[in-house]
Amino acid sequence: MAIVDEDGWVYLIDRIKDQINSSGYKVWPREVEDVLYEHPAVREVAVVGERDDYRGEAVVAYVSLRSNATASQDDLIAFARERLAVYKSPRRVEFLDDLPKTLTGKIKRRELRERHGSDSG
């Protein structure tokens, strides 16, 4: 997915298959991840959609914290809500020591979605 600015520059936003549809709103995982990366305790983050009977999909963040840093689920959700619309903010945060990655270091979103039977793409 890409956008074009007024000067004709093209910016890649995210992959369409990674888009989350929460209560009819489109949420781009990268936008949520960029906000969570601003938190001083966050080392790595990946955001995925999880099936939700009410919303269609709920925003879920998988987070790895920096050494000797602490943050709770409530801390990170509040941090995101101060900077994002409510529908874009994570409904849940799951902490992992390390996020699953490919040999080239790319985070495996599909593996994270499959953790809770939420694979939609």
PDB file of N, CA and C in Angstrom:
ATOM      1  N   MET A   1       0.864  -1.166   0.000  1.00  0.00           N
ATOM      2  CA  MET A   1       0.000   0.000   0.000  1.00  0.00           C
ATOM      3  C   MET A   1       0.902   1.217   0.000  1.00  0.00           C
ATOM      4  N   ALA A   2       0.549   2.208  -0.796  1.00  0.00           N
ATOM      5  CA  ALA A   2       1.373   3.403  -0.907  1.00  0.00           C
ATOM      6  C   ALA A   2       0.485   4.644  -0.985  1.00  0.00           C
ATOM      7  N   ILE A   3       1.095   5.786  -0.663  1.00  0.00           N
ATOM      8  CA  ILE A   3       0.417   7.069  -0.850  1.00  0.00           C
ATOM      9  C   ILE A   3       1.328   7.956  -1.685  1.00  0.00           C
ATOM     10  N   VAL A   4       0.724   8.930  -2.351  1.00  0.00           N
ATOM     11  CA  VAL A   4       1.476   9.889  -3.151  1.00  0.00           C
ATOM     12  C   VAL A   4       1.211  11.268  -2.561  1.00  0.00           C
ATOM     13  N   ASP A   5       2.291  11.997  -2.257  1.00  0.00           N
ATOM     14  CA  ASP A   5       2.093  13.334  -1.684  1.00  0.00           C
ATOM     15  C   ASP A   5       1.866  14.367  -2.788  1.00  0.00           C
ATOM     16  N   GLU A   6       1.677  15.621  -2.392  1.00  0.00           N
ATOM     17  CA  GLU A   6       1.353  16.679  -3.354  1.00  0.00           C
ATOM     18  C   GLU A   6       2.485  16.953  -4.344  1.00  0.00           C
ATOM     19  N   ASP A   7       3.714  16.550  -4.010  1.00  0.00           N
ATOM     20  CA  ASP A   7       4.848  16.745  -4.915  1.00  0.00           C
ATOM     21  C   ASP A   7       5.089  15.534  -5.808  1.00  0.00           C
ATOM     22  N   GLY A   8       4.240  14.515  -5.667  1.00  0.00           N
ATOM     23  CA  GLY A   8       4.385  13.321  -6.504  1.00  0.00           C
ATOM     24  C   GLY A   8       5.277  12.245  -5.918  1.00  0.00           C
ATOM     25  N   TRP A   9       5.768  12.433  -4.687  1.00  0.00           N
ATOM     26  CA  TRP A   9       6.597  11.421  -4.043  1.00  0.00           C
ATOM     27  C   TRP A   9       5.719  10.265  -3.577  1.00  0.00           C
ATOM     28  N   VAL A  10       6.183   9.059  -3.788  1.00  0.00           N
ATOM     29  CA  VAL A  10       5.439   7.865  -3.389  1.00  0.00           C
ATOM     30  C   VAL A  10       6.051   7.311  -2.110  1.00  0.00           C
ATOM     31  N   TYR A  11       5.195   7.017  -1.118  1.00  0.00           N
ATOM     32  CA  TYR A  11       5.640   6.467   0.153  1.00  0.00           C
ATOM     33  C   TYR A  11       4.946   5.134   0.389  1.00  0.00           C
ATOM     34  N   LEU A  12       5.742   4.095   0.631  1.00  0.00           N
ATOM     35  CA  LEU A  12       5.177   2.793   0.952  1.00  0.00           C
ATOM     36  C   LEU A  12       4.716   2.829   2.400  1.00  0.00           C
ATOM     37  N   ILE A  13       3.456   2.459   2.637  1.00  0.00           N
ATOM     38  CA  ILE A  13       2.877   2.498   3.969  1.00  0.00           C
ATOM     39  C   ILE A  13       2.975   1.137   4.638  1.00  0.00           C
ATOM     40  N   ASP A  14       2.487   0.118   3.983  1.00  0.00           N
ATOM     41  CA  ASP A  14       2.448  -1.221   4.569  1.00  0.00           C
ATOM     42  C   ASP A  14       1.969  -2.181   3.503  1.00  0.00           C
ATOM     43  N   ARG A  15       1.912  -3.449   3.841  1.00  0.00           N
ATOM     44  CA  ARG A  15       1.380  -4.446   2.926  1.00  0.00           C
ATOM     45  C   ARG A  15      -0.116  -4.568   3.142  1.00  0.00           C
ATOM     46  N   ILE A  16      -0.861  -4.648   2.065  1.00  0.00           N
ATOM     47  CA  ILE A  16      -2.315  -4.733   2.187  1.00  0.00           C
ATOM     48  C   ILE A  16      -2.727  -5.935   3.014  1.00  0.00           C
ATOM     49  N   LYS A  17      -2.044  -7.059   2.874  1.00  0.00           N
ATOM     50  CA  LYS A  17      -2.460  -8.250   3.615  1.00  0.00           C
ATOM     51  C   LYS A  17      -2.238  -8.090   5.121  1.00  0.00           C
ATOM     52  N   ASP A  18      -1.425  -7.138   5.544  1.00  0.00           N
ATOM     53  CA  ASP A  18      -1.190  -6.904   6.962  1.00  0.00           C
ATOM     54  C   ASP A  18      -2.215  -5.943   7.569  1.00  0.00           C
ATOM     55  N   GLN A  19      -3.004  -5.301   6.712  1.00  0.00           N
ATOM     56  CA  GLN A  19      -4.008  -4.340   7.193  1.00  0.00           C
ATOM     57  C   GLN A  19      -4.979  -5.013   8.153  1.00  0.00           C
ATOM     58  N   ILE A  20      -5.342  -4.292   9.213  1.00  0.00           N
ATOM     59  CA  ILE A  20      -6.290  -4.778  10.214  1.00  0.00           C
ATOM     60  C   ILE A  20      -7.599  -4.015  10.020  1.00  0.00           C
ATOM     61  N   ASN A  21      -8.723  -4.739  10.020  1.00  0.00           N
ATOM     62  CA  ASN A  21     -10.032  -4.106   9.901  1.00  0.00           C
ATOM     63  C   ASN A  21     -10.707  -4.203  11.263  1.00  0.00           C
ATOM     64  N   SER A  22     -10.681  -3.113  12.000  1.00  0.00           N
ATOM     65  CA  SER A  22     -11.230  -3.077  13.352  1.00  0.00           C
ATOM     66  C   SER A  22     -12.470  -2.195  13.378  1.00  0.00           C
ATOM     67  N   SER A  23     -13.623  -2.804  13.599  1.00  0.00           N
ATOM     68  CA  SER A  23     -14.909  -2.087  13.642  1.00  0.00           C
ATOM     69  C   SER A  23     -15.148  -1.272  12.376  1.00  0.00           C
ATOM     70  N   GLY A  24     -14.702  -1.794  11.243  1.00  0.00           N
ATOM     71  CA  GLY A  24     -14.893  -1.105   9.975  1.00  0.00           C
ATOM     72  C   GLY A  24     -13.809  -0.093   9.647  1.00  0.00           C
ATOM     73  N   TYR A  25     -12.897   0.159  10.565  1.00  0.00           N
ATOM     74  CA  TYR A  25     -11.790   1.085  10.329  1.00  0.00           C
ATOM     75  C   TYR A  25     -10.557   0.321   9.895  1.00  0.00           C
ATOM     76  N   LYS A  26      -9.795   0.922   8.985  1.00  0.00           N
ATOM     77  CA  LYS A  26      -8.556   0.302   8.528  1.00  0.00           C
ATOM     78  C   LYS A  26      -7.405   0.764   9.422  1.00  0.00           C
ATOM     79  N   VAL A  27      -6.652  -0.203   9.911  1.00  0.00           N
ATOM     80  CA  VAL A  27      -5.515   0.084  10.783  1.00  0.00           C
ATOM     81  C   VAL A  27      -4.273  -0.506  10.119  1.00  0.00           C
ATOM     82  N   TRP A  28      -3.264   0.337   9.948  1.00  0.00           N
ATOM     83  CA  TRP A  28      -2.003  -0.133   9.382  1.00  0.00           C
ATOM     84  C   TRP A  28      -1.064  -0.465  10.537  1.00  0.00           C
ATOM     85  N   PRO A  29      -0.622  -1.720  10.639  1.00  0.00           N
ATOM     86  CA  PRO A  29       0.248  -2.128  11.741  1.00  0.00           C
ATOM     87  C   PRO A  29       1.477  -1.241  11.907  1.00  0.00           C
ATOM     88  N   ARG A  30       2.042  -0.817  10.812  1.00  0.00           N
ATOM     89  CA  ARG A  30       3.263  -0.013  10.904  1.00  0.00           C
ATOM     90  C   ARG A  30       3.038   1.289  11.659  1.00  0.00           C
ATOM     91  N   GLU A  31       1.875   1.902  11.478  1.00  0.00           N
ATOM     92  CA  GLU A  31       1.574   3.144  12.191  1.00  0.00           C
ATOM     93  C   GLU A  31       1.553   2.919  13.701  1.00  0.00           C
ATOM     94  N   VAL A  32       0.946   1.826  14.130  1.00  0.00           N
ATOM     95  CA  VAL A  32       0.880   1.498  15.555  1.00  0.00           C
ATOM     96  C   VAL A  32       2.277   1.138  16.069  1.00  0.00           C
ATOM     97  N   GLU A  33       3.019   0.359  15.274  1.00  0.00           N
ATOM     98  CA  GLU A  33       4.382  -0.016  15.666  1.00  0.00           C
ATOM     99  C   GLU A  33       5.271   1.210  15.830  1.00  0.00           C
ATOM    100  N   ASP A  34       5.183   2.152  14.896  1.00  0.00           N
ATOM    101  CA  ASP A  34       6.005   3.364  14.978  1.00  0.00           C
ATOM    102  C   ASP A  34       5.753   4.115  16.282  1.00  0.00           C
ATOM    103  N   VAL A  35       4.494   4.166  16.715  1.00  0.00           N
ATOM    104  CA  VAL A  35       4.167   4.834  17.972  1.00  0.00           C
ATOM    105  C   VAL A  35       4.754   4.064  19.144  1.00  0.00           C
ATOM    106  N   LEU A  36       4.576   2.748  19.167  1.00  0.00           N
ATOM    107  CA  LEU A  36       5.086   1.950  20.292  1.00  0.00           C
ATOM    108  C   LEU A  36       6.614   1.964  20.359  1.00  0.00           C
ATOM    109  N   TYR A  37       7.279   2.088  19.209  1.00  0.00           N
ATOM    110  CA  TYR A  37       8.739   2.192  19.214  1.00  0.00           C
ATOM    111  C   TYR A  37       9.217   3.465  19.918  1.00  0.00           C
ATOM    112  N   GLU A  38       8.357   4.460  20.039  1.00  0.00           N
ATOM    113  CA  GLU A  38       8.724   5.689  20.740  1.00  0.00           C
ATOM    114  C   GLU A  38       8.812   5.487  22.253  1.00  0.00           C
ATOM    115  N   HIS A  39       8.197   4.423  22.760  1.00  0.00           N
ATOM    116  CA  HIS A  39       8.232   4.157  24.206  1.00  0.00           C
ATOM    117  C   HIS A  39       9.652   3.703  24.576  1.00  0.00           C
ATOM    118  N   PRO A  40      10.249   4.273  25.601  1.00  0.00           N
ATOM    119  CA  PRO A  40      11.646   3.966  25.928  1.00  0.00           C
ATOM    120  C   PRO A  40      11.902   2.512  26.334  1.00  0.00           C
ATOM    121  N   ALA A  41      10.904   1.783  26.752  1.00  0.00           N
ATOM    122  CA  ALA A  41      11.118   0.397  27.182  1.00  0.00           C
ATOM    123  C   ALA A  41      11.040  -0.602  26.029  1.00  0.00           C
ATOM    124  N   VAL A  42      10.515  -0.184  24.887  1.00  0.00           N
ATOM    125  CA  VAL A  42      10.270  -1.110  23.775  1.00  0.00           C
ATOM    126  C   VAL A  42      11.523  -1.295  22.927  1.00  0.00           C
ATOM    127  N   ARG A  43      11.914  -2.565  22.779  1.00  0.00           N
ATOM    128  CA  ARG A  43      13.037  -2.920  21.903  1.00  0.00           C
ATOM    129  C   ARG A  43      12.534  -3.305  20.526  1.00  0.00           C
ATOM    130  N   GLU A  44      11.526  -4.191  20.484  1.00  0.00           N
ATOM    131  CA  GLU A  44      10.937  -4.636  19.227  1.00  0.00           C
ATOM    132  C   GLU A  44       9.428  -4.730  19.396  1.00  0.00           C
ATOM    133  N   VAL A  45       8.721  -4.509  18.300  1.00  0.00           N
ATOM    134  CA  VAL A  45       7.256  -4.630  18.345  1.00  0.00           C
ATOM    135  C   VAL A  45       6.747  -5.074  16.985  1.00  0.00           C
ATOM    136  N   ALA A  46       5.713  -5.882  17.010  1.00  0.00           N
ATOM    137  CA  ALA A  46       4.986  -6.258  15.800  1.00  0.00           C
ATOM    138  C   ALA A  46       3.508  -6.220  16.144  1.00  0.00           C
ATOM    139  N   VAL A  47       2.730  -5.639  15.259  1.00  0.00           N
ATOM    140  CA  VAL A  47       1.291  -5.504  15.474  1.00  0.00           C
ATOM    141  C   VAL A  47       0.568  -6.341  14.436  1.00  0.00           C
ATOM    142  N   VAL A  48      -0.413  -7.102  14.910  1.00  0.00           N
ATOM    143  CA  VAL A  48      -1.217  -7.952  14.029  1.00  0.00           C
ATOM    144  C   VAL A  48      -2.686  -7.831  14.421  1.00  0.00           C
ATOM    145  N   GLY A  49      -3.540  -8.317  13.547  1.00  0.00           N
ATOM    146  CA  GLY A  49      -4.956  -8.379  13.844  1.00  0.00           C
ATOM    147  C   GLY A  49      -5.303  -9.740  14.411  1.00  0.00           C
ATOM    148  N   GLU A  50      -6.203  -9.734  15.368  1.00  0.00           N
ATOM    149  CA  GLU A  50      -6.664 -10.971  15.991  1.00  0.00           C
ATOM    150  C   GLU A  50      -8.186 -11.011  15.844  1.00  0.00           C
ATOM    151  N   ARG A  51      -8.725 -12.165  15.500  1.00  0.00           N
ATOM    152  CA  ARG A  51     -10.184 -12.272  15.354  1.00  0.00           C
ATOM    153  C   ARG A  51     -10.887 -11.784  16.607  1.00  0.00           C
ATOM    154  N   ASP A  52     -11.940 -11.020  16.373  1.00  0.00           N
ATOM    155  CA  ASP A  52     -12.730 -10.481  17.472  1.00  0.00           C
ATOM    156  C   ASP A  52     -14.189 -10.520  17.027  1.00  0.00           C
ATOM    157  N   ASP A  53     -15.026 -11.194  17.785  1.00  0.00           N
ATOM    158  CA  ASP A  53     -16.427 -11.355  17.406  1.00  0.00           C
ATOM    159  C   ASP A  53     -17.163 -10.025  17.288  1.00  0.00           C
ATOM    160  N   TYR A  54     -16.788  -9.045  18.067  1.00  0.00           N
ATOM    161  CA  TYR A  54     -17.473  -7.753  18.067  1.00  0.00           C
ATOM    162  C   TYR A  54     -16.905  -6.808  17.004  1.00  0.00           C
ATOM    163  N   ARG A  55     -15.563  -6.705  16.929  1.00  0.00           N
ATOM    164  CA  ARG A  55     -14.902  -5.739  16.055  1.00  0.00           C
ATOM    165  C   ARG A  55     -14.501  -6.286  14.703  1.00  0.00           C
ATOM    166  N   GLY A  56     -14.551  -7.587  14.512  1.00  0.00           N
ATOM    167  CA  GLY A  56     -14.012  -8.208  13.304  1.00  0.00           C
ATOM    168  C   GLY A  56     -12.569  -8.604  13.570  1.00  0.00           C
ATOM    169  N   GLU A  57     -11.747  -7.612  13.843  1.00  0.00           N
ATOM    170  CA  GLU A  57     -10.367  -7.848  14.263  1.00  0.00           C
ATOM    171  C   GLU A  57     -10.018  -6.856  15.368  1.00  0.00           C
ATOM    172  N   ALA A  58      -9.200  -7.312  16.278  1.00  0.00           N
ATOM    173  CA  ALA A  58      -8.685  -6.445  17.331  1.00  0.00           C
ATOM    174  C   ALA A  58      -7.196  -6.254  17.093  1.00  0.00           C
ATOM    175  N   VAL A  59      -6.687  -5.093  17.456  1.00  0.00           N
ATOM    176  CA  VAL A  59      -5.266  -4.785  17.313  1.00  0.00           C
ATOM    177  C   VAL A  59      -4.521  -5.410  18.493  1.00  0.00           C
ATOM    178  N   VAL A  60      -3.508  -6.222  18.179  1.00  0.00           N
ATOM    179  CA  VAL A  60      -2.694  -6.883  19.202  1.00  0.00           C
ATOM    180  C   VAL A  60      -1.228  -6.554  18.935  1.00  0.00           C
ATOM    181  N   ALA A  61      -0.513  -6.162  19.975  1.00  0.00           N
ATOM    182  CA  ALA A  61       0.907  -5.845  19.849  1.00  0.00           C
ATOM    183  C   ALA A  61       1.733  -6.913  20.556  1.00  0.00           C
ATOM    184  N   TYR A  62       2.721  -7.423  19.862  1.00  0.00           N
ATOM    185  CA  TYR A  62       3.704  -8.333  20.452  1.00  0.00           C
ATOM    186  C   TYR A  62       4.960  -7.506  20.676  1.00  0.00           C
ATOM    187  N   VAL A  63       5.429  -7.494  21.919  1.00  0.00           N
ATOM    188  CA  VAL A  63       6.491  -6.572  22.307  1.00  0.00           C
ATOM    189  C   VAL A  63       7.631  -7.311  23.002  1.00  0.00           C
ATOM    190  N   SER A  64       8.836  -6.906  22.656  1.00  0.00           N
ATOM    191  CA  SER A  64      10.040  -7.338  23.347  1.00  0.00           C
ATOM    192  C   SER A  64      10.629  -6.080  23.988  1.00  0.00           C
ATOM    193  N   LEU A  65      10.901  -6.160  25.285  1.00  0.00           N
ATOM    194  CA  LEU A  65      11.406  -4.988  26.012  1.00  0.00           C
ATOM    195  C   LEU A  65      12.931  -4.936  26.014  1.00  0.00           C
ATOM    196  N   ARG A  66      13.454  -3.745  26.190  1.00  0.00           N
ATOM    197  CA  ARG A  66      14.904  -3.552  26.316  1.00  0.00           C
ATOM    198  C   ARG A  66      15.384  -4.185  27.621  1.00  0.00           C
ATOM    199  N   SER A  67      16.657  -4.504  27.670  1.00  0.00           N
ATOM    200  CA  SER A  67      17.238  -5.060  28.890  1.00  0.00           C
ATOM    201  C   SER A  67      17.011  -4.112  30.054  1.00  0.00           C
ATOM    202  N   ASN A  68      16.631  -4.667  31.183  1.00  0.00           N
ATOM    203  CA  ASN A  68      16.402  -3.911  32.421  1.00  0.00           C
ATOM    204  C   ASN A  68      15.286  -2.877  32.332  1.00  0.00           C
ATOM    205  N   ALA A  69      14.462  -2.933  31.290  1.00  0.00           N
ATOM    206  CA  ALA A  69      13.339  -1.996  31.168  1.00  0.00           C
ATOM    207  C   ALA A  69      12.058  -2.709  31.590  1.00  0.00           C
ATOM    208  N   THR A  70      11.124  -1.932  32.081  1.00  0.00           N
ATOM    209  CA  THR A  70       9.837  -2.499  32.457  1.00  0.00           C
ATOM    210  C   THR A  70       8.715  -1.656  31.872  1.00  0.00           C
ATOM    211  N   ALA A  71       7.657  -2.342  31.525  1.00  0.00           N
ATOM    212  CA  ALA A  71       6.424  -1.702  31.065  1.00  0.00           C
ATOM    213  C   ALA A  71       5.343  -2.761  31.144  1.00  0.00           C
ATOM    214  N   SER A  72       4.158  -2.360  31.518  1.00  0.00           N
ATOM    215  CA  SER A  72       3.041  -3.296  31.584  1.00  0.00           C
ATOM    216  C   SER A  72       2.169  -3.138  30.345  1.00  0.00           C
ATOM    217  N   GLN A  73       1.254  -4.067  30.188  1.00  0.00           N
ATOM    218  CA  GLN A  73       0.284  -3.967  29.101  1.00  0.00           C
ATOM    219  C   GLN A  73      -0.477  -2.647  29.204  1.00  0.00           C
ATOM    220  N   ASP A  74      -0.922  -2.313  30.394  1.00  0.00           N
ATOM    221  CA  ASP A  74      -1.670  -1.064  30.593  1.00  0.00           C
ATOM    222  C   ASP A  74      -0.836   0.163  30.240  1.00  0.00           C
ATOM    223  N   ASP A  75       0.463   0.135  30.593  1.00  0.00           N
ATOM    224  CA  ASP A  75       1.353   1.256  30.261  1.00  0.00           C
ATOM    225  C   ASP A  75       1.413   1.483  28.755  1.00  0.00           C
ATOM    226  N   LEU A  76       1.609   0.396  28.008  1.00  0.00           N
ATOM    227  CA  LEU A  76       1.779   0.525  26.561  1.00  0.00           C
ATOM    228  C   LEU A  76       0.467   0.878  25.862  1.00  0.00           C
ATOM    229  N   ILE A  77      -0.637   0.341  26.343  1.00  0.00           N
ATOM    230  CA  ILE A  77      -1.931   0.691  25.753  1.00  0.00           C
ATOM    231  C   ILE A  77      -2.225   2.172  26.000  1.00  0.00           C
ATOM    232  N   ALA A  78      -1.983   2.653  27.222  1.00  0.00           N
ATOM    233  CA  ALA A  78      -2.208   4.074  27.535  1.00  0.00           C
ATOM    234  C   ALA A  78      -1.291   4.961  26.689  1.00  0.00           C
ATOM    235  N   PHE A  79      -0.036   4.553  26.526  1.00  0.00           N
ATOM    236  CA  PHE A  79       0.928   5.296  25.714  1.00  0.00           C
ATOM    237  C   PHE A  79       0.412   5.430  24.283  1.00  0.00           C
ATOM    238  N   ALA A  80      -0.084   4.318  23.728  1.00  0.00           N
ATOM    239  CA  ALA A  80      -0.605   4.329  22.357  1.00  0.00           C
ATOM    240  C   ALA A  80      -1.857   5.199  22.258  1.00  0.00           C
ATOM    241  N   ARG A  81      -2.737   5.112  23.231  1.00  0.00           N
ATOM    242  CA  ARG A  81      -4.001   5.871  23.187  1.00  0.00           C
ATOM    243  C   ARG A  81      -3.774   7.376  23.268  1.00  0.00           C
ATOM    244  N   GLU A  82      -2.667   7.790  23.879  1.00  0.00           N
ATOM    245  CA  GLU A  82      -2.344   9.217  23.924  1.00  0.00           C
ATOM    246  C   GLU A  82      -1.938   9.737  22.549  1.00  0.00           C
ATOM    247  N   ARG A  83      -1.521   8.827  21.655  1.00  0.00           N
ATOM    248  CA  ARG A  83      -0.952   9.227  20.375  1.00  0.00           C
ATOM    249  C   ARG A  83      -1.749   8.754  19.163  1.00  0.00           C
ATOM    250  N   LEU A  84      -2.698   7.844  19.383  1.00  0.00           N
ATOM    251  CA  LEU A  84      -3.464   7.257  18.286  1.00  0.00           C
ATOM    252  C   LEU A  84      -4.964   7.306  18.590  1.00  0.00           C
ATOM    253  N   ALA A  85      -5.751   7.147  17.558  1.00  0.00           N
ATOM    254  CA  ALA A  85      -7.191   6.983  17.760  1.00  0.00           C
ATOM    255  C   ALA A  85      -7.428   5.696  18.544  1.00  0.00           C
ATOM    256  N   VAL A  86      -8.515   5.644  19.286  1.00  0.00           N
ATOM    257  CA  VAL A  86      -8.814   4.486  20.132  1.00  0.00           C
ATOM    258  C   VAL A  86      -8.865   3.198  19.307  1.00  0.00           C
ATOM    259  N   TYR A  87      -9.470   3.242  18.124  1.00  0.00           N
ATOM    260  CA  TYR A  87      -9.585   2.021  17.319  1.00  0.00           C
ATOM    261  C   TYR A  87      -8.237   1.517  16.802  1.00  0.00           C
ATOM    262  N   LYS A  88      -7.226   2.369  16.787  1.00  0.00           N
ATOM    263  CA  LYS A  88      -5.887   1.961  16.347  1.00  0.00           C
ATOM    264  C   LYS A  88      -5.039   1.428  17.496  1.00  0.00           C
ATOM    265  N   SER A  89      -5.402   1.745  18.707  1.00  0.00           N
ATOM    266  CA  SER A  89      -4.615   1.347  19.867  1.00  0.00           C
ATOM    267  C   SER A  89      -4.773  -0.146  20.140  1.00  0.00           C
ATOM    268  N   PRO A  90      -3.713  -0.790  20.609  1.00  0.00           N
ATOM    269  CA  PRO A  90      -3.813  -2.228  20.905  1.00  0.00           C
ATOM    270  C   PRO A  90      -4.865  -2.514  21.967  1.00  0.00           C
ATOM    271  N   ARG A  91      -5.608  -3.569  21.768  1.00  0.00           N
ATOM    272  CA  ARG A  91      -6.549  -4.058  22.774  1.00  0.00           C
ATOM    273  C   ARG A  91      -5.819  -4.958  23.758  1.00  0.00           C
ATOM    274  N   ARG A  92      -4.705  -5.517  23.266  1.00  0.00           N
ATOM    275  CA  ARG A  92      -3.933  -6.442  24.087  1.00  0.00           C
ATOM    276  C   ARG A  92      -2.473  -6.319  23.698  1.00  0.00           C
ATOM    277  N   VAL A  93      -1.596  -6.501  24.684  1.00  0.00           N
ATOM    278  CA  VAL A  93      -0.154  -6.518  24.450  1.00  0.00           C
ATOM    279  C   VAL A  93       0.375  -7.820  25.023  1.00  0.00           C
ATOM    280  N   GLU A  94       1.119  -8.543  24.208  1.00  0.00           N
ATOM    281  CA  GLU A  94       1.738  -9.781  24.672  1.00  0.00           C
ATOM    282  C   GLU A  94       3.252  -9.583  24.648  1.00  0.00           C
ATOM    283  N   PHE A  95       3.888  -9.930  25.755  1.00  0.00           N
ATOM    284  CA  PHE A  95       5.335  -9.749  25.867  1.00  0.00           C
ATOM    285  C   PHE A  95       6.060 -11.043  25.531  1.00  0.00           C
ATOM    286  N   LEU A  96       7.092 -10.924  24.703  1.00  0.00           N
ATOM    287  CA  LEU A  96       7.942 -12.046  24.331  1.00  0.00           C
ATOM    288  C   LEU A  96       9.396 -11.628  24.548  1.00  0.00           C
ATOM    289  N   ASP A  97      10.241 -12.600  24.895  1.00  0.00           N
ATOM    290  CA  ASP A  97      11.664 -12.275  25.034  1.00  0.00           C
ATOM    291  C   ASP A  97      12.236 -11.810  23.705  1.00  0.00           C
ATOM    292  N   ASP A  98      11.880 -12.520  22.645  1.00  0.00           N
ATOM    293  CA  ASP A  98      12.312 -12.174  21.292  1.00  0.00           C
ATOM    294  C   ASP A  98      11.172 -12.461  20.336  1.00  0.00           C
ATOM    295  N   LEU A  99      10.996 -11.614  19.353  1.00  0.00           N
ATOM    296  CA  LEU A  99       9.976 -11.845  18.341  1.00  0.00           C
ATOM    297  C   LEU A  99      10.532 -12.821  17.306  1.00  0.00           C
ATOM    298  N   PRO A 100       9.679 -13.686  16.745  1.00  0.00           N
ATOM    299  CA  PRO A 100      10.166 -14.637  15.740  1.00  0.00           C
ATOM    300  C   PRO A 100      10.597 -13.906  14.469  1.00  0.00           C
ATOM    301  N   LYS A 101      11.745 -14.326  13.926  1.00  0.00           N
ATOM    302  CA  LYS A 101      12.297 -13.647  12.752  1.00  0.00           C
ATOM    303  C   LYS A 101      12.780 -14.651  11.708  1.00  0.00           C
ATOM    304  N   THR A 102      12.852 -14.165  10.485  1.00  0.00           N
ATOM    305  CA  THR A 102      13.442 -14.945   9.402  1.00  0.00           C
ATOM    306  C   THR A 102      14.958 -14.886   9.547  1.00  0.00           C
ATOM    307  N   LEU A 103      15.655 -15.612   8.694  1.00  0.00           N
ATOM    308  CA  LEU A 103      17.123 -15.589   8.729  1.00  0.00           C
ATOM    309  C   LEU A 103      17.686 -14.206   8.419  1.00  0.00           C
ATOM    310  N   THR A 104      16.912 -13.397   7.688  1.00  0.00           N
ATOM    311  CA  THR A 104      17.379 -12.050   7.359  1.00  0.00           C
ATOM    312  C   THR A 104      16.973 -11.013   8.404  1.00  0.00           C
ATOM    313  N   GLY A 105      16.285 -11.452   9.465  1.00  0.00           N
ATOM    314  CA  GLY A 105      15.940 -10.558  10.559  1.00  0.00           C
ATOM    315  C   GLY A 105      14.571  -9.912  10.468  1.00  0.00           C
ATOM    316  N   LYS A 106      13.774 -10.273   9.456  1.00  0.00           N
ATOM    317  CA  LYS A 106      12.425  -9.718   9.327  1.00  0.00           C
ATOM    318  C   LYS A 106      11.489 -10.436  10.293  1.00  0.00           C
ATOM    319  N   ILE A 107      10.651  -9.679  10.988  1.00  0.00           N
ATOM    320  CA  ILE A 107       9.717 -10.265  11.946  1.00  0.00           C
ATOM    321  C   ILE A 107       8.653 -11.066  11.202  1.00  0.00           C
ATOM    322  N   LYS A 108       8.374 -12.258  11.710  1.00  0.00           N
ATOM    323  CA  LYS A 108       7.399 -13.160  11.091  1.00  0.00           C
ATOM    324  C   LYS A 108       5.996 -12.864  11.635  1.00  0.00           C
ATOM    325  N   ARG A 109       5.312 -11.949  10.998  1.00  0.00           N
ATOM    326  CA  ARG A 109       3.959 -11.587  11.422  1.00  0.00           C
ATOM    327  C   ARG A 109       3.009 -12.778  11.339  1.00  0.00           C
ATOM    328  N   ARG A 110       3.155 -13.551  10.296  1.00  0.00           N
ATOM    329  CA  ARG A 110       2.250 -14.690  10.110  1.00  0.00           C
ATOM    330  C   ARG A 110       2.317 -15.636  11.311  1.00  0.00           C
ATOM    331  N   GLU A 111       3.517 -15.876  11.797  1.00  0.00           N
ATOM    332  CA  GLU A 111       3.689 -16.747  12.963  1.00  0.00           C
ATOM    333  C   GLU A 111       3.001 -16.152  14.197  1.00  0.00           C
ATOM    334  N   LEU A 112       3.069 -14.845  14.336  1.00  0.00           N
ATOM    335  CA  LEU A 112       2.408 -14.188  15.464  1.00  0.00           C
ATOM    336  C   LEU A 112       0.888 -14.274  15.325  1.00  0.00           C
ATOM    337  N   ARG A 113       0.363 -14.072  14.111  1.00  0.00           N
ATOM    338  CA  ARG A 113      -1.079 -14.194  13.895  1.00  0.00           C
ATOM    339  C   ARG A 113      -1.554 -15.613  14.195  1.00  0.00           C
ATOM    340  N   GLU A 114      -0.752 -16.592  13.850  1.00  0.00           N
ATOM    341  CA  GLU A 114      -1.138 -17.992  14.044  1.00  0.00           C
ATOM    342  C   GLU A 114      -1.131 -18.408  15.513  1.00  0.00           C
ATOM    343  N   ARG A 115      -0.484 -17.649  16.360  1.00  0.00           N
ATOM    344  CA  ARG A 115      -0.426 -17.987  17.795  1.00  0.00           C
ATOM    345  C   ARG A 115      -1.818 -18.142  18.406  1.00  0.00           C
ATOM    346  N   HIS A 116      -2.771 -17.379  17.894  1.00  0.00           N
ATOM    347  CA  HIS A 116      -4.124 -17.414  18.449  1.00  0.00           C
ATOM    348  C   HIS A 116      -5.156 -17.717  17.380  1.00  0.00           C
ATOM    349  N   GLY A 117      -4.734 -18.421  16.319  1.00  0.00           N
ATOM    350  CA  GLY A 117      -5.686 -18.789  15.280  1.00  0.00           C
ATOM    351  C   GLY A 117      -6.265 -17.593  14.561  1.00  0.00           C
ATOM    352  N   SER A 118      -5.454 -16.536  14.407  1.00  0.00           N
ATOM    353  CA  SER A 118      -5.962 -15.303  13.813  1.00  0.00           C
ATOM    354  C   SER A 118      -5.458 -15.070  12.403  1.00  0.00           C
ATOM    355  N   ASP A 119      -4.901 -16.076  11.757  1.00  0.00           N
ATOM    356  CA  ASP A 119      -4.308 -15.847  10.440  1.00  0.00           C
ATOM    357  C   ASP A 119      -5.381 -15.555   9.416  1.00  0.00           C
ATOM    358  N   SER A 120      -5.297 -14.348   8.850  1.00  0.00           N
ATOM    359  CA  SER A 120      -6.267 -13.946   7.850  1.00  0.00           C
ATOM    360  C   SER A 120      -5.616 -13.686   6.501  1.00  0.00           C
ATOM    361  N   GLY A 121      -4.328 -13.982   6.370  1.00  0.00           N
ATOM    362  CA  GLY A 121      -3.733 -13.679   5.071  1.00  0.00           C
ATOM    363  C   GLY A 121      -2.422 -14.215   4.898  1.00  0.00           C
TER     364      GLY A 121
END
